[in-house]
Amino acid sequence: MSSSDFSADKRVTGTSERREQIIQRLRQQGSVQVNDLSAWFGVSTVTIRNDLAFLEKQGIAVRAYGGALICDGASPAAEPSVEAKSSLNMALKQAIARVAAEMILPGSRVILDSGTTTYEIARLMRHHQAVIAMTNGMNVGNALLEAEGVELLMTGGHLRRQSLSFYGDQAEQALQNYHFDMLFLGVDAIDPERGISTHNEDEARLNRRMCEVAERIIVVTDSSKFNRSSLHKIIDTQRIDTIITDEGIPAECLNGLQKSGIDVVRVTV
């Protein structure tokens, strides 16, 4: 690969964006070279080696002489849009949401992460009473507008249009003076060994802050997200209290999670 192979790409300077582009090149060509990446991104070879070391730690790449090779089957999938996510496994998401919504009792203080499954939870809360709910999801907040018995708090911050979610220092600071009973956390990927992860660094940072201020962490995800890994880790699976998923969860994942003391609730459609 040469630096000219990047001619169609937009130059980036941020660490997260640079690593995402390196992953794209690994997917496309199977390998990358340190010197070529250094020349293209305009950063030192030390910086690129640190990037490759990070990707190796995430199980995405294996470093080789002068560069790195992609790990077979370990490349995280590209992030789909909210519209694309909304059309996937809809019946399962709605079944998961019904179980989650039943856990929210009068007097509950909850965080609803951005996402399509948490959006379905919000849609089912229109008749809930005496609930305080905070969210960083624009779509989730809109769904709660008709829930007159729910006091709605928004984190604010910068809007990420790809996921309709707010992020950044303002969003993180909005959480620091609160304590919540439950966090309903949507995930892009969950691996028993590598933990739960997401595509975006800023969202991962905000999700970690959510986990810090919630008494219980409840992951809501369909079974297609298991045995997958995204670039940015949120927390270890051992910190999860409950996972609401479907019957398609791989048996080895189910056994491992239950042995770790995690309550796994499986829904059927």
C-alpha atoms as a PDB file:
ATOM      1  CA  MET A   1       0.000   0.000   0.000  1.00  0.00           C
ATOM      2  CA  SER A   2       1.263   3.514  -0.742  1.00  0.00           C
ATOM      3  CA  SER A   3       0.127   6.919   0.464  1.00  0.00           C
ATOM      4  CA  SER A   4      -1.510   7.494  -2.914  1.00  0.00           C
ATOM      5  CA  ASP A   5      -4.043   4.802  -2.005  1.00  0.00           C
ATOM      6  CA  PHE A   6      -5.596   7.352   0.332  1.00  0.00           C
ATOM      7  CA  SER A   7      -6.350   9.857  -2.436  1.00  0.00           C
ATOM      8  CA  ALA A   8     -10.132   9.544  -2.040  1.00  0.00           C
ATOM      9  CA  ASP A   9     -10.072   9.895   1.741  1.00  0.00           C
ATOM     10  CA  LYS A  10     -10.554  13.006   3.787  1.00  0.00           C
ATOM     11  CA  ARG A  11      -7.546  13.857   5.912  1.00  0.00           C
ATOM     12  CA  VAL A  12      -8.248  13.748   9.633  1.00  0.00           C
ATOM     13  CA  THR A  13      -6.323  14.815  12.698  1.00  0.00           C
ATOM     14  CA  GLY A  14      -8.220  13.350  15.655  1.00  0.00           C
ATOM     15  CA  THR A  15      -7.006  10.124  17.222  1.00  0.00           C
ATOM     16  CA  SER A  16     -10.379   8.398  17.029  1.00  0.00           C
ATOM     17  CA  GLU A  17     -10.985   9.374  13.390  1.00  0.00           C
ATOM     18  CA  ARG A  18      -7.451   8.375  12.413  1.00  0.00           C
ATOM     19  CA  ARG A  19      -7.830   4.931  13.970  1.00  0.00           C
ATOM     20  CA  GLU A  20     -11.190   4.448  12.291  1.00  0.00           C
ATOM     21  CA  GLN A  21      -9.556   5.153   8.911  1.00  0.00           C
ATOM     22  CA  ILE A  22      -6.734   2.742   9.701  1.00  0.00           C
ATOM     23  CA  ILE A  23      -9.369   0.078  10.405  1.00  0.00           C
ATOM     24  CA  GLN A  24     -11.020   0.847   7.085  1.00  0.00           C
ATOM     25  CA  ARG A  25      -7.698   0.287   5.303  1.00  0.00           C
ATOM     26  CA  LEU A  26      -7.158  -2.955   7.187  1.00  0.00           C
ATOM     27  CA  ARG A  27     -10.594  -4.149   6.075  1.00  0.00           C
ATOM     28  CA  GLN A  28      -9.971  -3.183   2.477  1.00  0.00           C
ATOM     29  CA  GLN A  29      -6.406  -4.428   2.045  1.00  0.00           C
ATOM     30  CA  GLY A  30      -5.684  -6.729   4.955  1.00  0.00           C
ATOM     31  CA  SER A  31      -2.535  -4.886   6.021  1.00  0.00           C
ATOM     32  CA  VAL A  32      -1.062  -1.413   6.552  1.00  0.00           C
ATOM     33  CA  GLN A  33       2.448   0.012   6.662  1.00  0.00           C
ATOM     34  CA  VAL A  34       3.695   2.421   9.342  1.00  0.00           C
ATOM     35  CA  ASN A  35       5.611   4.713   6.995  1.00  0.00           C
ATOM     36  CA  ASP A  36       2.709   5.062   4.565  1.00  0.00           C
ATOM     37  CA  LEU A  37       0.259   5.890   7.338  1.00  0.00           C
ATOM     38  CA  SER A  38       2.685   8.358   8.893  1.00  0.00           C
ATOM     39  CA  ALA A  39       3.103  10.196   5.584  1.00  0.00           C
ATOM     40  CA  TRP A  40      -0.604  10.322   4.857  1.00  0.00           C
ATOM     41  CA  PHE A  41      -1.821  11.486   8.250  1.00  0.00           C
ATOM     42  CA  GLY A  42       1.114  13.823   8.803  1.00  0.00           C
ATOM     43  CA  VAL A  43       1.993  12.327  12.190  1.00  0.00           C
ATOM     44  CA  SER A  44       5.084  10.602  13.507  1.00  0.00           C
ATOM     45  CA  THR A  45       5.796   6.916  13.080  1.00  0.00           C
ATOM     46  CA  VAL A  46       5.683   6.677  16.885  1.00  0.00           C
ATOM     47  CA  THR A  47       2.071   7.909  16.821  1.00  0.00           C
ATOM     48  CA  ILE A  48       1.134   5.338  14.170  1.00  0.00           C
ATOM     49  CA  ARG A  49       2.826   2.540  16.121  1.00  0.00           C
ATOM     50  CA  ASN A  50       0.807   3.589  19.167  1.00  0.00           C
ATOM     51  CA  ASP A  51      -2.345   3.417  17.044  1.00  0.00           C
ATOM     52  CA  LEU A  52      -1.472  -0.080  15.855  1.00  0.00           C
ATOM     53  CA  ALA A  53      -0.630  -1.168  19.407  1.00  0.00           C
ATOM     54  CA  PHE A  54      -4.073   0.061  20.497  1.00  0.00           C
ATOM     55  CA  LEU A  55      -5.778  -1.865  17.684  1.00  0.00           C
ATOM     56  CA  GLU A  56      -3.799  -4.966  18.584  1.00  0.00           C
ATOM     57  CA  LYS A  57      -4.923  -4.659  22.208  1.00  0.00           C
ATOM     58  CA  GLN A  58      -8.519  -4.463  20.972  1.00  0.00           C
ATOM     59  CA  GLY A  59      -8.033  -7.681  19.005  1.00  0.00           C
ATOM     60  CA  ILE A  60      -8.462  -5.925  15.661  1.00  0.00           C
ATOM     61  CA  ALA A  61      -4.926  -6.132  14.270  1.00  0.00           C
ATOM     62  CA  VAL A  62      -1.680  -8.037  14.720  1.00  0.00           C
ATOM     63  CA  ARG A  63       1.506  -6.045  14.402  1.00  0.00           C
ATOM     64  CA  ALA A  64       4.048  -7.251  11.873  1.00  0.00           C
ATOM     65  CA  TYR A  65       7.396  -5.935  10.666  1.00  0.00           C
ATOM     66  CA  GLY A  66       6.846  -2.382   9.415  1.00  0.00           C
ATOM     67  CA  GLY A  67       3.079  -2.417   9.913  1.00  0.00           C
ATOM     68  CA  ALA A  68       0.142  -4.604  10.916  1.00  0.00           C
ATOM     69  CA  LEU A  69      -2.198  -7.293   9.629  1.00  0.00           C
ATOM     70  CA  ILE A  70      -5.896  -7.559  10.284  1.00  0.00           C
ATOM     71  CA  CYS A  71      -7.120 -10.275  12.636  1.00  0.00           C
ATOM     72  CA  ASP A  72      -9.413 -12.744  10.883  1.00  0.00           C
ATOM     73  CA  GLY A  73     -13.004 -12.120  11.934  1.00  0.00           C
ATOM     74  CA  ALA A  74     -12.001  -9.408  14.400  1.00  0.00           C
ATOM     75  CA  SER A  75     -12.674  -6.284  12.374  1.00  0.00           C
ATOM     76  CA  PRO A  76     -15.516  -4.258  13.874  1.00  0.00           C
ATOM     77  CA  ALA A  77     -18.366  -3.497  11.540  1.00  0.00           C
ATOM     78  CA  ALA A  78     -18.918  -0.001  10.249  1.00  0.00           C
ATOM     79  CA  GLU A  79     -21.490   1.997  12.183  1.00  0.00           C
ATOM     80  CA  PRO A  80     -24.920   2.070  10.521  1.00  0.00           C
ATOM     81  CA  SER A  81     -27.175   5.100  10.669  1.00  0.00           C
ATOM     82  CA  VAL A  82     -30.082   5.388  13.114  1.00  0.00           C
ATOM     83  CA  GLU A  83     -32.468   4.770  10.221  1.00  0.00           C
ATOM     84  CA  ALA A  84     -30.654   1.554   9.319  1.00  0.00           C
ATOM     85  CA  LYS A  85     -30.555   0.404  12.937  1.00  0.00           C
ATOM     86  CA  SER A  86     -34.264   1.096  13.358  1.00  0.00           C
ATOM     87  CA  SER A  87     -35.148  -1.378  10.617  1.00  0.00           C
ATOM     88  CA  LEU A  88     -33.117  -4.234  12.124  1.00  0.00           C
ATOM     89  CA  ASN A  89     -34.655  -6.819  14.490  1.00  0.00           C
ATOM     90  CA  MET A  90     -37.564  -4.521  15.286  1.00  0.00           C
ATOM     91  CA  ALA A  91     -39.800  -7.194  16.832  1.00  0.00           C
ATOM     92  CA  LEU A  92     -36.988  -8.266  19.159  1.00  0.00           C
ATOM     93  CA  LYS A  93     -36.238  -4.695  20.189  1.00  0.00           C
ATOM     94  CA  GLN A  94     -39.884  -4.102  21.022  1.00  0.00           C
ATOM     95  CA  ALA A  95     -40.042  -7.291  23.091  1.00  0.00           C
ATOM     96  CA  ILE A  96     -36.874  -6.287  24.964  1.00  0.00           C
ATOM     97  CA  ALA A  97     -38.319  -2.811  25.508  1.00  0.00           C
ATOM     98  CA  ARG A  98     -41.507  -4.208  27.040  1.00  0.00           C
ATOM     99  CA  VAL A  99     -39.516  -6.084  29.689  1.00  0.00           C
ATOM    100  CA  ALA A 100     -37.379  -3.034  30.388  1.00  0.00           C
ATOM    101  CA  ALA A 101     -40.339  -0.662  30.664  1.00  0.00           C
ATOM    102  CA  GLU A 102     -41.967  -2.936  33.248  1.00  0.00           C
ATOM    103  CA  MET A 103     -38.891  -2.522  35.449  1.00  0.00           C
ATOM    104  CA  ILE A 104     -39.483   1.243  35.699  1.00  0.00           C
ATOM    105  CA  LEU A 105     -41.774   1.736  38.692  1.00  0.00           C
ATOM    106  CA  PRO A 106     -43.263   4.940  40.117  1.00  0.00           C
ATOM    107  CA  GLY A 107     -40.513   6.899  41.833  1.00  0.00           C
ATOM    108  CA  SER A 108     -37.774   5.507  39.603  1.00  0.00           C
ATOM    109  CA  ARG A 109     -34.877   7.675  38.461  1.00  0.00           C
ATOM    110  CA  VAL A 110     -33.514   6.316  35.203  1.00  0.00           C
ATOM    111  CA  ILE A 111     -31.055   7.075  32.424  1.00  0.00           C
ATOM    112  CA  LEU A 112     -31.996   6.054  28.912  1.00  0.00           C
ATOM    113  CA  ASP A 113     -28.977   5.901  26.647  1.00  0.00           C
ATOM    114  CA  SER A 114     -29.379   6.941  23.034  1.00  0.00           C
ATOM    115  CA  GLY A 115     -30.295   4.165  20.634  1.00  0.00           C
ATOM    116  CA  THR A 116     -33.102   2.399  18.864  1.00  0.00           C
ATOM    117  CA  THR A 117     -33.904  -0.087  21.646  1.00  0.00           C
ATOM    118  CA  THR A 118     -33.992   2.634  24.292  1.00  0.00           C
ATOM    119  CA  TYR A 119     -36.225   4.616  21.938  1.00  0.00           C
ATOM    120  CA  GLU A 120     -38.690   1.710  22.060  1.00  0.00           C
ATOM    121  CA  ILE A 121     -38.529   1.790  25.873  1.00  0.00           C
ATOM    122  CA  ALA A 122     -39.336   5.498  25.844  1.00  0.00           C
ATOM    123  CA  ARG A 123     -42.337   4.920  23.560  1.00  0.00           C
ATOM    124  CA  LEU A 124     -43.769   2.559  26.184  1.00  0.00           C
ATOM    125  CA  MET A 125     -43.426   5.081  29.029  1.00  0.00           C
ATOM    126  CA  ARG A 126     -46.226   7.448  28.057  1.00  0.00           C
ATOM    127  CA  HIS A 127     -48.414   6.175  30.918  1.00  0.00           C
ATOM    128  CA  HIS A 128     -45.653   5.957  33.537  1.00  0.00           C
ATOM    129  CA  GLN A 129     -46.042   8.181  36.587  1.00  0.00           C
ATOM    130  CA  ALA A 130     -43.639   9.891  38.994  1.00  0.00           C
ATOM    131  CA  VAL A 131     -40.549   8.947  36.992  1.00  0.00           C
ATOM    132  CA  ILE A 132     -37.462  11.061  36.359  1.00  0.00           C
ATOM    133  CA  ALA A 133     -35.667  10.166  33.135  1.00  0.00           C
ATOM    134  CA  MET A 134     -32.478  11.608  31.681  1.00  0.00           C
ATOM    135  CA  THR A 135     -31.288  10.873  28.166  1.00  0.00           C
ATOM    136  CA  ASN A 136     -28.649  11.940  25.675  1.00  0.00           C
ATOM    137  CA  GLY A 137     -30.766  10.709  22.765  1.00  0.00           C
ATOM    138  CA  MET A 138     -32.697  13.241  20.701  1.00  0.00           C
ATOM    139  CA  ASN A 139     -35.045  10.534  19.438  1.00  0.00           C
ATOM    140  CA  VAL A 140     -35.512   9.166  22.967  1.00  0.00           C
ATOM    141  CA  GLY A 141     -36.337  12.636  24.292  1.00  0.00           C
ATOM    142  CA  ASN A 142     -38.874  13.179  21.527  1.00  0.00           C
ATOM    143  CA  ALA A 143     -40.546   9.873  22.374  1.00  0.00           C
ATOM    144  CA  LEU A 144     -40.958  11.006  25.996  1.00  0.00           C
ATOM    145  CA  LEU A 145     -42.706  14.273  25.093  1.00  0.00           C
ATOM    146  CA  GLU A 146     -46.108  12.590  25.433  1.00  0.00           C
ATOM    147  CA  ALA A 147     -45.219  11.000  28.779  1.00  0.00           C
ATOM    148  CA  GLU A 148     -46.735  13.618  31.079  1.00  0.00           C
ATOM    149  CA  GLY A 149     -45.877  11.605  34.196  1.00  0.00           C
ATOM    150  CA  VAL A 150     -42.182  11.549  33.318  1.00  0.00           C
ATOM    151  CA  GLU A 151     -39.937  14.464  34.228  1.00  0.00           C
ATOM    152  CA  LEU A 152     -37.556  14.651  31.273  1.00  0.00           C
ATOM    153  CA  LEU A 153     -33.949  15.771  31.620  1.00  0.00           C
ATOM    154  CA  MET A 154     -31.668  16.145  28.619  1.00  0.00           C
ATOM    155  CA  THR A 155     -27.897  16.046  28.916  1.00  0.00           C
ATOM    156  CA  GLY A 156     -27.380  18.672  26.230  1.00  0.00           C
ATOM    157  CA  GLY A 157     -24.020  18.876  24.516  1.00  0.00           C
ATOM    158  CA  HIS A 158     -22.904  18.464  20.924  1.00  0.00           C
ATOM    159  CA  LEU A 159     -25.259  16.557  18.638  1.00  0.00           C
ATOM    160  CA  ARG A 160     -23.826  13.610  16.748  1.00  0.00           C
ATOM    161  CA  ARG A 161     -26.180  13.247  13.804  1.00  0.00           C
ATOM    162  CA  GLN A 162     -25.092   9.718  12.911  1.00  0.00           C
ATOM    163  CA  SER A 163     -26.634   8.432  16.138  1.00  0.00           C
ATOM    164  CA  LEU A 164     -28.924  11.358  17.113  1.00  0.00           C
ATOM    165  CA  SER A 165     -27.044  11.493  20.407  1.00  0.00           C
ATOM    166  CA  PHE A 166     -25.524  14.313  22.435  1.00  0.00           C
ATOM    167  CA  TYR A 167     -21.967  14.052  23.747  1.00  0.00           C
ATOM    168  CA  GLY A 168     -19.112  16.135  25.121  1.00  0.00           C
ATOM    169  CA  ASP A 169     -18.136  17.935  28.317  1.00  0.00           C
ATOM    170  CA  GLN A 170     -21.553  19.551  28.758  1.00  0.00           C
ATOM    171  CA  ALA A 171     -23.281  16.163  28.557  1.00  0.00           C
ATOM    172  CA  GLU A 172     -20.837  14.589  31.008  1.00  0.00           C
ATOM    173  CA  GLN A 173     -21.111  17.476  33.460  1.00  0.00           C
ATOM    174  CA  ALA A 174     -24.911  17.272  33.329  1.00  0.00           C
ATOM    175  CA  LEU A 175     -24.677  13.843  34.955  1.00  0.00           C
ATOM    176  CA  GLN A 176     -22.271  14.595  37.770  1.00  0.00           C
ATOM    177  CA  ASN A 177     -24.773  16.062  40.250  1.00  0.00           C
ATOM    178  CA  TYR A 178     -27.291  13.227  39.942  1.00  0.00           C
ATOM    179  CA  HIS A 179     -27.692   9.691  41.211  1.00  0.00           C
ATOM    180  CA  PHE A 180     -29.932   7.295  39.287  1.00  0.00           C
ATOM    181  CA  ASP A 181     -31.513   3.976  40.142  1.00  0.00           C
ATOM    182  CA  MET A 182     -31.062   2.411  36.714  1.00  0.00           C
ATOM    183  CA  LEU A 183     -29.233   2.914  33.464  1.00  0.00           C
ATOM    184  CA  PHE A 184     -30.652   1.293  30.353  1.00  0.00           C
ATOM    185  CA  LEU A 185     -27.621   1.021  28.114  1.00  0.00           C
ATOM    186  CA  GLY A 186     -27.745   0.162  24.439  1.00  0.00           C
ATOM    187  CA  VAL A 187     -24.585  -1.296  22.930  1.00  0.00           C
ATOM    188  CA  ASP A 188     -23.061  -1.739  19.490  1.00  0.00           C
ATOM    189  CA  ALA A 189     -21.073  -4.810  20.505  1.00  0.00           C
ATOM    190  CA  ILE A 190     -20.624  -7.102  23.489  1.00  0.00           C
ATOM    191  CA  ASP A 191     -17.904  -9.674  24.030  1.00  0.00           C
ATOM    192  CA  PRO A 192     -17.593 -11.569  27.346  1.00  0.00           C
ATOM    193  CA  GLU A 193     -13.807 -11.120  27.321  1.00  0.00           C
ATOM    194  CA  ARG A 194     -13.427  -7.619  25.836  1.00  0.00           C
ATOM    195  CA  GLY A 195     -16.473  -6.038  27.430  1.00  0.00           C
ATOM    196  CA  ILE A 196     -19.123  -3.835  25.847  1.00  0.00           C
ATOM    197  CA  SER A 197     -18.083  -1.311  23.232  1.00  0.00           C
ATOM    198  CA  THR A 198     -19.302   1.277  20.788  1.00  0.00           C
ATOM    199  CA  HIS A 199     -18.168   2.939  17.570  1.00  0.00           C
ATOM    200  CA  ASN A 200     -17.517   6.427  18.875  1.00  0.00           C
ATOM    201  CA  GLU A 201     -14.950   7.536  21.458  1.00  0.00           C
ATOM    202  CA  ASP A 202     -17.012  10.463  22.780  1.00  0.00           C
ATOM    203  CA  GLU A 203     -20.100   8.297  23.241  1.00  0.00           C
ATOM    204  CA  ALA A 204     -18.045   5.647  25.034  1.00  0.00           C
ATOM    205  CA  ARG A 205     -16.745   8.284  27.451  1.00  0.00           C
ATOM    206  CA  LEU A 206     -20.268   9.537  28.170  1.00  0.00           C
ATOM    207  CA  ASN A 207     -21.543   5.984  28.625  1.00  0.00           C
ATOM    208  CA  ARG A 208     -18.819   5.322  31.193  1.00  0.00           C
ATOM    209  CA  ARG A 209     -19.950   8.418  33.086  1.00  0.00           C
ATOM    210  CA  MET A 210     -23.542   7.135  32.995  1.00  0.00           C
ATOM    211  CA  CYS A 211     -22.366   3.856  34.512  1.00  0.00           C
ATOM    212  CA  GLU A 212     -20.671   5.740  37.355  1.00  0.00           C
ATOM    213  CA  VAL A 213     -23.851   7.531  38.450  1.00  0.00           C
ATOM    214  CA  ALA A 214     -26.298   4.602  38.168  1.00  0.00           C
ATOM    215  CA  GLU A 215     -27.027   2.061  40.886  1.00  0.00           C
ATOM    216  CA  ARG A 216     -27.830  -0.666  38.357  1.00  0.00           C
ATOM    217  CA  ILE A 217     -26.545  -1.126  34.816  1.00  0.00           C
ATOM    218  CA  ILE A 218     -29.072  -2.831  32.559  1.00  0.00           C
ATOM    219  CA  VAL A 219     -27.892  -3.632  29.030  1.00  0.00           C
ATOM    220  CA  VAL A 220     -30.625  -3.882  26.403  1.00  0.00           C
ATOM    221  CA  THR A 221     -29.502  -5.580  23.206  1.00  0.00           C
ATOM    222  CA  ASP A 222     -30.616  -8.166  20.706  1.00  0.00           C
ATOM    223  CA  SER A 223     -28.456 -11.267  20.337  1.00  0.00           C
ATOM    224  CA  SER A 224     -26.823 -10.096  17.092  1.00  0.00           C
ATOM    225  CA  LYS A 225     -24.497  -7.860  19.139  1.00  0.00           C
ATOM    226  CA  PHE A 226     -22.799 -10.734  20.994  1.00  0.00           C
ATOM    227  CA  ASN A 227     -19.286 -11.931  20.155  1.00  0.00           C
ATOM    228  CA  ARG A 228     -18.634  -8.626  18.416  1.00  0.00           C
ATOM    229  CA  SER A 229     -16.243  -5.807  19.210  1.00  0.00           C
ATOM    230  CA  SER A 230     -16.251  -2.109  18.379  1.00  0.00           C
ATOM    231  CA  LEU A 231     -13.299   0.211  18.675  1.00  0.00           C
ATOM    232  CA  HIS A 232     -14.074   1.963  21.956  1.00  0.00           C
ATOM    233  CA  LYS A 233     -14.661   0.002  25.155  1.00  0.00           C
ATOM    234  CA  ILE A 234     -17.278   1.225  27.622  1.00  0.00           C
ATOM    235  CA  ILE A 235     -16.991  -1.163  30.591  1.00  0.00           C
ATOM    236  CA  ASP A 236     -16.156  -4.773  31.423  1.00  0.00           C
ATOM    237  CA  THR A 237     -19.066  -7.204  31.266  1.00  0.00           C
ATOM    238  CA  GLN A 238     -18.572  -8.002  34.970  1.00  0.00           C
ATOM    239  CA  ARG A 239     -19.923  -4.569  35.867  1.00  0.00           C
ATOM    240  CA  ILE A 240     -23.301  -5.287  34.250  1.00  0.00           C
ATOM    241  CA  ASP A 241     -26.168  -6.178  36.597  1.00  0.00           C
ATOM    242  CA  THR A 242     -28.752  -7.322  34.044  1.00  0.00           C
ATOM    243  CA  ILE A 243     -28.848  -8.048  30.326  1.00  0.00           C
ATOM    244  CA  ILE A 244     -32.171  -8.132  28.508  1.00  0.00           C
ATOM    245  CA  THR A 245     -31.763  -9.949  25.207  1.00  0.00           C
ATOM    246  CA  ASP A 246     -33.420 -12.699  23.176  1.00  0.00           C
ATOM    247  CA  GLU A 247     -33.195 -16.473  22.877  1.00  0.00           C
ATOM    248  CA  GLY A 248     -30.595 -16.184  20.135  1.00  0.00           C
ATOM    249  CA  ILE A 249     -27.783 -15.352  22.569  1.00  0.00           C
ATOM    250  CA  PRO A 250     -24.888 -17.815  21.980  1.00  0.00           C
ATOM    251  CA  ALA A 251     -24.817 -20.570  24.599  1.00  0.00           C
ATOM    252  CA  GLU A 252     -21.203 -19.904  25.568  1.00  0.00           C
ATOM    253  CA  CYS A 253     -21.986 -16.233  26.160  1.00  0.00           C
ATOM    254  CA  LEU A 254     -25.053 -17.078  28.235  1.00  0.00           C
ATOM    255  CA  ASN A 255     -23.119 -19.534  30.394  1.00  0.00           C
ATOM    256  CA  GLY A 256     -20.211 -17.162  30.904  1.00  0.00           C
ATOM    257  CA  LEU A 257     -22.420 -14.241  31.847  1.00  0.00           C
ATOM    258  CA  GLN A 258     -24.491 -16.277  34.283  1.00  0.00           C
ATOM    259  CA  LYS A 259     -21.335 -17.658  35.920  1.00  0.00           C
ATOM    260  CA  SER A 260     -20.236 -14.060  36.444  1.00  0.00           C
ATOM    261  CA  GLY A 261     -23.442 -13.425  38.397  1.00  0.00           C
ATOM    262  CA  ILE A 262     -25.160 -11.388  35.697  1.00  0.00           C
ATOM    263  CA  ASP A 263     -28.926 -11.745  35.434  1.00  0.00           C
ATOM    264  CA  VAL A 264     -29.721 -12.601  31.803  1.00  0.00           C
ATOM    265  CA  VAL A 265     -33.372 -12.102  30.829  1.00  0.00           C
ATOM    266  CA  ARG A 266     -34.291 -13.687  27.508  1.00  0.00           C
ATOM    267  CA  VAL A 267     -37.380 -12.628  25.580  1.00  0.00           C
ATOM    268  CA  THR A 268     -39.256 -14.386  22.815  1.00  0.00           C
ATOM    269  CA  VAL A 269     -41.250 -12.942  19.952  1.00  0.00           C
END
